[in-house]
Amino acid sequence: MNKLIATLIAGLFASSVFAQAPAPLAAPATPAVVKAEAKATKADTKAVSAEAKTDAKADASVDKAVTKAETKKAKAHTKSAKTKAEAKHDVATAAPADKTKAEAKADMTSAKADAKAEKTSIKADEKVGMAKVEAGADKMKAKSETAAVKAEGKADVKAATVK
């Protein structure tokens, strides 16, 4: 019984394949259509490569900004640590009578050093953020230009087909 059902189903599928209408034959391409397609393909290739180049340049710009920011932040924190160490040294070498005054001054110096390092870090991160925004905008512009070139190529091919 299973073989009979399988044969009937296979026959149904086979007859549906033969019952389909044949695909219409494509009209032979005219020289104008071929020329338009070639021009569109060339423009598409050029646009895609320009987009890739812009993307790479934007990514490199962001990477450079990140590296520069990390360097600035590291220098700021190193300078802060050095300033704090000098303040602690001043406290350690202060006379016992002046120790309280030296500790207060060291605390104030440490707070200022931390604030300055934090400010530098924030500015560096802000520059990285701006670089990322600019890179994103450049990428989007390149993408839209590529899409426009592709659409223009399709329109040219379509116009050549109508002639």
Protein backbone atom coordinates (compact mmCIF):
# COMPACT_ATOMS: atom_id res chain seq x y z
CA MET A 1 0.00 0.00 0.00
CA ASN A 2 2.85 2.41 0.86
CA LYS A 3 4.50 1.78 -2.51
CA LEU A 4 1.23 2.53 -4.29
CA ILE A 5 0.79 5.83 -2.45
CA ALA A 6 4.42 6.76 -3.08
CA THR A 7 4.03 6.00 -6.81
CA LEU A 8 0.84 8.07 -7.05
CA ILE A 9 2.46 11.03 -5.28
CA ALA A 10 5.55 10.80 -7.48
CA GLY A 11 3.32 10.70 -10.56
CA LEU A 12 1.43 13.76 -9.34
CA PHE A 13 4.64 15.72 -8.94
CA ALA A 14 5.98 14.56 -12.30
CA SER A 15 2.80 15.56 -14.13
CA SER A 16 2.78 18.98 -12.46
CA VAL A 17 6.31 19.62 -13.70
CA PHE A 18 5.34 18.83 -17.29
CA ALA A 19 2.10 20.82 -17.03
CA GLN A 20 3.89 24.08 -16.35
CA ALA A 21 4.07 26.62 -19.15
CA PRO A 22 7.45 26.93 -20.78
CA ALA A 23 9.49 29.95 -19.81
CA PRO A 24 9.29 32.76 -22.35
CA LEU A 25 12.37 33.14 -24.46
CA ALA A 26 14.41 36.20 -23.62
CA ALA A 27 14.64 38.76 -26.33
CA PRO A 28 18.10 39.00 -27.79
CA ALA A 29 20.04 41.79 -26.12
CA THR A 30 20.61 44.81 -28.31
CA PRO A 31 24.02 46.45 -28.45
CA ALA A 32 22.64 49.42 -26.51
CA VAL A 33 21.48 47.15 -23.68
CA VAL A 34 24.80 45.33 -23.57
CA LYS A 35 26.65 48.64 -23.51
CA ALA A 36 24.38 50.00 -20.76
CA GLU A 37 24.84 46.85 -18.67
CA ALA A 38 28.60 47.02 -19.06
CA LYS A 39 28.63 50.70 -18.09
CA ALA A 40 26.40 50.01 -15.08
CA THR A 41 28.58 47.12 -13.94
CA LYS A 42 31.71 49.23 -14.25
CA ALA A 43 30.11 52.09 -12.28
CA ASP A 44 28.86 49.66 -9.62
CA THR A 45 32.32 48.18 -9.20
CA LYS A 46 33.89 51.60 -8.94
CA ALA A 47 31.29 52.75 -6.39
CA VAL A 48 31.67 49.63 -4.26
CA SER A 49 35.45 49.98 -4.20
CA ALA A 50 35.15 53.66 -3.29
CA GLU A 51 32.77 52.73 -0.48
CA ALA A 52 35.18 50.10 0.81
CA LYS A 53 38.03 52.60 0.68
CA THR A 54 35.98 55.16 2.61
CA ASP A 55 35.01 52.53 5.19
CA ALA A 56 38.64 51.52 5.67
CA LYS A 57 39.74 55.14 5.98
CA ALA A 58 37.00 55.85 8.54
CA ASP A 59 37.91 52.77 10.57
CA ALA A 60 41.58 53.76 10.51
CA SER A 61 40.64 57.24 11.70
CA VAL A 62 38.70 55.80 14.63
CA ASP A 63 41.55 53.43 15.49
CA LYS A 64 44.01 56.32 15.43
CA ALA A 65 41.77 58.40 17.69
CA VAL A 66 41.39 55.53 20.15
CA THR A 67 45.15 54.97 20.27
CA LYS A 68 45.80 58.67 20.77
CA ALA A 69 43.19 58.84 23.53
CA GLU A 70 44.62 55.83 25.35
CA THR A 71 48.08 57.39 25.20
CA LYS A 72 46.81 60.72 26.56
CA LYS A 73 44.90 58.99 29.34
CA ALA A 74 47.92 56.91 30.31
CA LYS A 75 50.16 60.00 30.40
CA ALA A 76 47.63 61.89 32.51
CA HIS A 77 47.30 59.07 35.03
CA THR A 78 51.08 58.66 35.17
CA LYS A 79 51.51 62.37 35.81
CA SER A 80 48.82 62.21 38.50
CA ALA A 81 50.54 59.30 40.21
CA LYS A 82 53.87 61.12 40.09
CA THR A 83 52.34 64.25 41.62
CA LYS A 84 50.72 62.18 44.37
CA ALA A 85 54.00 60.40 45.08
CA GLU A 86 55.81 63.73 45.38
CA ALA A 87 53.13 64.99 47.77
CA LYS A 88 53.47 61.85 49.91
CA HIS A 89 57.23 62.29 49.90
CA ASP A 90 56.80 65.88 51.10
CA VAL A 91 54.61 64.61 53.95
CA ALA A 92 57.16 61.97 54.88
CA THR A 93 60.01 64.48 54.96
CA ALA A 94 58.06 67.20 56.77
CA ALA A 95 58.96 68.14 60.29
CA PRO A 96 56.70 66.63 62.97
CA ALA A 97 55.23 70.06 63.76
CA ASP A 98 54.37 70.71 60.09
CA LYS A 99 53.15 67.18 59.35
CA THR A 100 49.42 68.00 59.62
CA LYS A 101 49.77 70.99 57.32
CA ALA A 102 51.81 68.91 54.84
CA GLU A 103 49.18 66.13 54.89
CA ALA A 104 46.41 68.63 54.13
CA LYS A 105 48.45 70.09 51.30
CA ALA A 106 49.18 66.57 49.96
CA ASP A 107 45.50 65.68 50.06
CA MET A 108 44.63 68.83 48.14
CA THR A 109 47.39 68.18 45.63
CA SER A 110 46.21 64.57 45.16
CA ALA A 111 42.62 65.69 44.61
CA LYS A 112 43.70 68.27 42.02
CA ALA A 113 45.89 65.71 40.25
CA ASP A 114 43.03 63.19 40.12
CA ALA A 115 40.62 65.84 38.82
CA LYS A 116 43.05 66.93 36.12
CA ALA A 117 43.66 63.32 35.03
CA GLU A 118 39.92 62.66 34.95
CA LYS A 119 39.31 65.81 32.90
CA THR A 120 41.97 64.74 30.42
CA SER A 121 40.41 61.28 30.15
CA ILE A 122 36.97 62.75 29.53
CA LYS A 123 38.28 65.04 26.78
CA ALA A 124 40.11 62.14 25.15
CA ASP A 125 36.98 59.98 25.24
CA GLU A 126 34.98 62.86 23.80
CA LYS A 127 37.36 63.11 20.86
CA VAL A 128 37.05 59.37 20.27
CA GLY A 129 33.27 59.71 20.30
CA MET A 130 33.42 62.51 17.75
CA ALA A 131 35.74 60.47 15.55
CA LYS A 132 33.29 57.55 15.69
CA VAL A 133 30.38 59.79 14.75
CA GLU A 134 32.28 61.31 11.84
CA ALA A 135 33.37 57.88 10.66
CA GLY A 136 29.79 56.63 10.81
CA ALA A 137 28.60 59.62 8.81
CA ASP A 138 31.31 59.06 6.20
CA LYS A 139 30.33 55.41 5.89
CA MET A 140 26.65 56.27 5.49
CA LYS A 141 27.43 58.87 2.81
CA ALA A 142 29.51 56.35 0.89
CA LYS A 143 26.77 53.75 1.19
CA SER A 144 24.12 56.13 -0.12
CA GLU A 145 26.35 57.19 -3.01
CA THR A 146 26.87 53.54 -3.92
CA ALA A 147 23.14 52.93 -3.81
CA ALA A 148 22.56 55.95 -6.04
CA VAL A 149 25.09 54.72 -8.60
CA LYS A 150 23.50 51.27 -8.63
CA ALA A 151 20.02 52.75 -9.09
CA GLU A 152 21.27 54.99 -11.90
CA GLY A 153 22.84 52.00 -13.63
CA LYS A 154 19.60 50.02 -13.39
CA ALA A 155 17.68 52.96 -14.81
CA ASP A 156 20.12 53.28 -17.71
CA VAL A 157 19.78 49.58 -18.53
CA LYS A 158 16.00 49.83 -18.35
CA ALA A 159 16.02 52.88 -20.63
CA ALA A 160 18.26 51.09 -23.12
CA THR A 161 15.91 48.10 -23.12
CA VAL A 162 12.94 50.26 -24.08
CA LYS A 163 14.68 51.80 -27.12
